[in-house]
Amino acid sequence: MQNLKRRIAALVAGCTSLLATAALAQDPGTTSGGGTSSSTTTSTVTTWYSEPWVWVVAGGIAVFLIVVIALTNRGGTNRTT
C-alpha cells in the first residue's frame, strides 16, 4: 500500500511539473503568421477573499474540523482499562 501511495505521489508530481513547464514555455509576445497585430484588452482583477463563496467554503471546512476534533478528543484524561 505504501508503494502505491509513493507511485501516485510521484505521478502527480511529474504531471504537475510537466504542466508547469508547458505553461512557462509559452511566449505571449510573438504572433504566428508573421503579420503584425494590435489589440487592447481590459481586465478586472478581484481578490480571492472578496468572493462570498470562499468564505462559505472556509466556514464549512472550519466547522467540519471542529466537529472532527470534538468527536475524536478523549477529554484529555488518561484512561486505563
Protein backbone atom coordinates (compact mmCIF):
# COMPACT_ATOMS: atom_id res chain seq x y z
CA MET A 1 0.00 0.00 0.00
CA GLN A 2 2.86 2.39 0.79
CA ASN A 3 4.41 1.61 -2.58
CA LEU A 4 1.17 2.53 -4.36
CA LYS A 5 0.95 5.82 -2.45
CA ARG A 6 4.52 6.67 -3.42
CA ARG A 7 3.85 5.88 -7.09
CA ILE A 8 0.70 8.01 -7.12
CA ALA A 9 2.55 10.89 -5.44
CA ALA A 10 5.36 10.61 -7.98
CA LEU A 11 2.85 10.57 -10.85
CA VAL A 12 1.07 13.67 -9.53
CA ALA A 13 4.38 15.48 -9.03
CA GLY A 14 5.51 14.56 -12.54
CA CYS A 15 2.27 15.75 -14.14
CA THR A 16 2.39 18.98 -12.16
CA SER A 17 5.95 19.74 -13.20
CA LEU A 18 5.15 18.90 -16.83
CA LEU A 19 2.19 21.28 -16.87
CA ALA A 20 4.20 24.00 -15.14
CA THR A 21 6.98 23.63 -17.71
CA ALA A 22 4.49 23.81 -20.57
CA ALA A 23 2.90 26.92 -19.08
CA LEU A 24 6.25 28.64 -18.65
CA ALA A 25 7.31 27.73 -22.20
CA GLN A 26 4.58 29.91 -23.68
CA ASP A 27 5.79 33.13 -25.27
CA PRO A 28 2.93 35.64 -25.30
CA GLY A 29 4.96 38.27 -27.17
CA THR A 30 5.11 36.54 -30.55
CA THR A 31 2.42 36.20 -33.18
CA SER A 32 2.11 33.42 -35.69
CA GLY A 33 1.88 34.11 -39.42
CA GLY A 34 4.45 36.90 -39.50
CA GLY A 35 1.85 39.67 -39.51
CA THR A 36 1.51 42.50 -37.08
CA SER A 37 -1.48 42.77 -34.86
CA SER A 38 -2.63 45.22 -32.28
CA SER A 39 -5.17 44.56 -29.58
CA THR A 40 -6.33 46.27 -26.46
CA THR A 41 -7.63 44.27 -23.56
CA THR A 42 -9.11 45.40 -20.32
CA SER A 43 -9.43 43.17 -17.34
CA THR A 44 -10.71 43.45 -13.84
CA VAL A 45 -8.85 41.77 -11.03
CA THR A 46 -10.73 40.57 -8.00
CA THR A 47 -9.02 39.23 -4.95
CA TRP A 48 -9.92 35.71 -3.83
CA TYR A 49 -11.01 36.80 -0.37
CA SER A 50 -13.61 39.21 -1.68
CA GLU A 51 -15.73 36.37 -3.09
CA PRO A 52 -18.58 35.22 -0.80
CA TRP A 53 -18.32 31.55 -1.79
CA VAL A 54 -14.75 31.44 -0.47
CA TRP A 55 -15.98 32.40 3.00
CA VAL A 56 -18.80 29.85 2.84
CA VAL A 57 -16.36 27.07 1.92
CA ALA A 58 -13.83 28.18 4.56
CA GLY A 59 -16.55 28.31 7.22
CA GLY A 60 -17.77 24.84 6.25
CA ILE A 61 -14.26 23.44 6.49
CA ALA A 62 -13.74 25.11 9.87
CA VAL A 63 -16.98 23.68 11.25
CA PHE A 64 -16.11 20.24 9.89
CA LEU A 65 -12.67 20.33 11.52
CA ILE A 66 -14.12 21.46 14.86
CA VAL A 67 -16.64 18.62 14.78
CA VAL A 68 -13.98 16.04 13.90
CA ILE A 69 -11.67 17.28 16.65
CA ALA A 70 -14.51 17.31 19.18
CA LEU A 71 -15.56 13.76 18.29
CA THR A 72 -12.03 12.36 18.40
CA ASN A 73 -10.98 14.14 21.60
CA ARG A 74 -10.99 11.89 24.66
CA GLY A 75 -11.22 14.69 27.17
CA GLY A 76 -7.51 14.86 27.87
CA THR A 77 -7.58 12.21 30.62
CA ASN A 78 -5.53 9.07 30.68
CA ARG A 79 -7.85 6.12 30.72
CA THR A 80 -6.59 2.82 31.94
CA THR A 81 -8.57 -0.31 31.28
